[in-house]
């Protein structure tokens, strides 16, 4: 399968953006970006990659609080640029695919040709206390992602490129646009989600989430965090509906 389309919505992810794009351009040659960061570092990093065919700041294209529907701006632009593509991925700089997503999508095409969207497990990784020196001296992040919470949390991350698929303007916590038919949940392929990368970054992320009013459960406590290294991490009560265990990957 040729490389496909990626819609990347981000805010304050510059610390990991270049590493992420270096990896992800192997799978997507039409990447469209909306950046909610206040600085221009994200613009500079994206300019290093010719696969990033569109970049804009949130404030340039929308007003008020940003929610999942903002991806509709990128999707409509992608339909103009690359209508021949078969699949669209909802990209996040803090989520590294466990394998080759193109191979996974080819499998979907062969075995489930009527499926319009794909759900994968998003597995939360974290810096373990045993990794302190390794983490602080790293040259890249993905190779040292070893400790995680299992099982993963199911997330929609891929959907077909079809003209009739559009986003509304309401806030939703699901990724695919409206008008979808069936969804397939894939086993064996997942995303490695790493939200705790440095103390400064964690506190900034928490403040962003609180200010936006989006999924602010538990983020108040993250502002009081004194160390990102731990034996385990726990989801705030009420955010997840079943138990998770920490495990070395």
Foldseek 3Di string as FASTA:
>chain_A
DAAFEEEEEEELPLVQQLVQCVPCCVRHQAYEYEYQYPDCSVVVSCVVHNSHPYYDYPVVPDDDFDALQVSLVVLVVCCVVCVPGWKYWYDYSQWAKPDHVVVVVVVCCVPPVQFFWEKEFEWEFFAAPVCVVVLVPDPHDVVPRWKTKPDGDIAITMGTRDPPFGADDDHDRHNGGPPGDHYYYDPPIYIYGYQCRDLVSLLVVLVVCVVSVHPNQPSVVSNVDDDRHYNDDDDHPPPDDDDIDMDTD
